Amino acid sequence: MGSADRIIRVTLAVVIATLYFLNVISATLAWVLLIVVGVFILTSFIGFCPLYYPFGINTRRELKN
């Protein structure tokens, strides 16, 4: 997972969490989005998204020798 991908995930997680704590989102939608936030944060910190593998997605830059 590339740096830009990680930054986007963390930014979205912060925005969604802020909306939750400001009571803009609630009920089932809030719980679903909070689970998504947890996944975004976890995958950002470990640097790997399991859903990318089966689809062959790679957001990480290749190093040139």
C-alpha atoms as a PDB file:
ATOM      1  CA  MET A   1       0.000   0.000   0.000  1.00  0.00           C
ATOM      2  CA  GLY A   2       1.399   3.349  -1.034  1.00  0.00           C
ATOM      3  CA  SER A   3       1.775   6.484   1.063  1.00  0.00           C
ATOM      4  CA  ALA A   4      -0.992   8.343  -0.749  1.00  0.00           C
ATOM      5  CA  ASP A   5      -3.372   5.426  -0.160  1.00  0.00           C
ATOM      6  CA  ARG A   6      -2.560   5.451   3.552  1.00  0.00           C
ATOM      7  CA  ILE A   7      -3.052   9.218   3.837  1.00  0.00           C
ATOM      8  CA  ILE A   8      -6.419   9.040   2.062  1.00  0.00           C
ATOM      9  CA  ARG A   9      -7.605   6.211   4.322  1.00  0.00           C
ATOM     10  CA  VAL A  10      -6.593   7.994   7.521  1.00  0.00           C
ATOM     11  CA  THR A  11      -8.146  11.259   6.325  1.00  0.00           C
ATOM     12  CA  LEU A  12     -11.440   9.535   5.505  1.00  0.00           C
ATOM     13  CA  ALA A  13     -11.366   7.785   8.869  1.00  0.00           C
ATOM     14  CA  VAL A  14     -10.904  11.098  10.695  1.00  0.00           C
ATOM     15  CA  VAL A  15     -13.736  12.714   8.717  1.00  0.00           C
ATOM     16  CA  ILE A  16     -16.151   9.839   9.394  1.00  0.00           C
ATOM     17  CA  ALA A  17     -15.225   9.699  13.084  1.00  0.00           C
ATOM     18  CA  THR A  18     -15.743  13.456  13.372  1.00  0.00           C
ATOM     19  CA  LEU A  19     -19.170  13.184  11.756  1.00  0.00           C
ATOM     20  CA  TYR A  20     -20.069  10.459  14.251  1.00  0.00           C
ATOM     21  CA  PHE A  21     -18.941  12.422  17.296  1.00  0.00           C
ATOM     22  CA  LEU A  22     -20.776  15.530  16.074  1.00  0.00           C
ATOM     23  CA  ASN A  23     -23.952  13.402  15.728  1.00  0.00           C
ATOM     24  CA  VAL A  24     -24.230  14.078  12.003  1.00  0.00           C
ATOM     25  CA  ILE A  25     -24.489  10.343  11.346  1.00  0.00           C
ATOM     26  CA  SER A  26     -26.286   7.929  13.636  1.00  0.00           C
ATOM     27  CA  ALA A  27     -28.054   4.593  13.898  1.00  0.00           C
ATOM     28  CA  THR A  28     -27.040   1.688  11.673  1.00  0.00           C
ATOM     29  CA  LEU A  29     -25.179   3.892   9.199  1.00  0.00           C
ATOM     30  CA  ALA A  30     -22.960   5.149  12.008  1.00  0.00           C
ATOM     31  CA  TRP A  31     -22.044   1.635  13.116  1.00  0.00           C
ATOM     32  CA  VAL A  32     -21.306   0.481   9.588  1.00  0.00           C
ATOM     33  CA  LEU A  33     -19.119   3.525   8.935  1.00  0.00           C
ATOM     34  CA  LEU A  34     -17.308   3.085  12.261  1.00  0.00           C
ATOM     35  CA  ILE A  35     -16.438  -0.464  11.249  1.00  0.00           C
ATOM     36  CA  VAL A  36     -15.125   0.916   7.945  1.00  0.00           C
ATOM     37  CA  VAL A  37     -13.080   3.465   9.929  1.00  0.00           C
ATOM     38  CA  GLY A  38     -11.563   0.651  11.974  1.00  0.00           C
ATOM     39  CA  VAL A  39     -10.634  -1.262   8.827  1.00  0.00           C
ATOM     40  CA  PHE A  40      -9.154   1.871   7.227  1.00  0.00           C
ATOM     41  CA  ILE A  41      -7.010   2.609  10.279  1.00  0.00           C
ATOM     42  CA  LEU A  42      -5.885  -1.001  10.673  1.00  0.00           C
ATOM     43  CA  THR A  43      -4.947  -1.449   7.024  1.00  0.00           C
ATOM     44  CA  SER A  44      -3.183   1.920   6.996  1.00  0.00           C
ATOM     45  CA  PHE A  45      -0.975   0.980   9.929  1.00  0.00           C
ATOM     46  CA  ILE A  46      -0.107  -2.497   8.686  1.00  0.00           C
ATOM     47  CA  GLY A  47       0.321  -1.282   5.101  1.00  0.00           C
ATOM     48  CA  PHE A  48      -1.654  -4.091   3.505  1.00  0.00           C
ATOM     49  CA  CYS A  49      -5.222  -4.331   2.246  1.00  0.00           C
ATOM     50  CA  PRO A  50      -6.483  -7.905   1.809  1.00  0.00           C
ATOM     51  CA  LEU A  51      -9.004  -6.825  -0.840  1.00  0.00           C
ATOM     52  CA  TYR A  52      -6.242  -5.501  -3.095  1.00  0.00           C
ATOM     53  CA  TYR A  53      -4.597  -8.907  -3.511  1.00  0.00           C
ATOM     54  CA  PRO A  54      -7.355 -10.800  -5.412  1.00  0.00           C
ATOM     55  CA  PHE A  55      -7.886  -7.836  -7.734  1.00  0.00           C
ATOM     56  CA  GLY A  56      -4.167  -7.325  -8.361  1.00  0.00           C
ATOM     57  CA  ILE A  57      -4.221  -3.728  -7.133  1.00  0.00           C
ATOM     58  CA  ASN A  58      -0.891  -2.228  -6.073  1.00  0.00           C
ATOM     59  CA  THR A  59      -0.687   1.416  -4.945  1.00  0.00           C
ATOM     60  CA  ARG A  60       2.925   1.152  -3.896  1.00  0.00           C
ATOM     61  CA  ARG A  61       5.640   2.631  -6.098  1.00  0.00           C
ATOM     62  CA  GLU A  62       8.129   0.250  -7.590  1.00  0.00           C
ATOM     63  CA  LEU A  63      11.747   0.955  -6.689  1.00  0.00           C
ATOM     64  CA  LYS A  64      14.063   1.515  -9.614  1.00  0.00           C
ATOM     65  CA  ASN A  65      17.543   0.027  -9.478  1.00  0.00           C
END
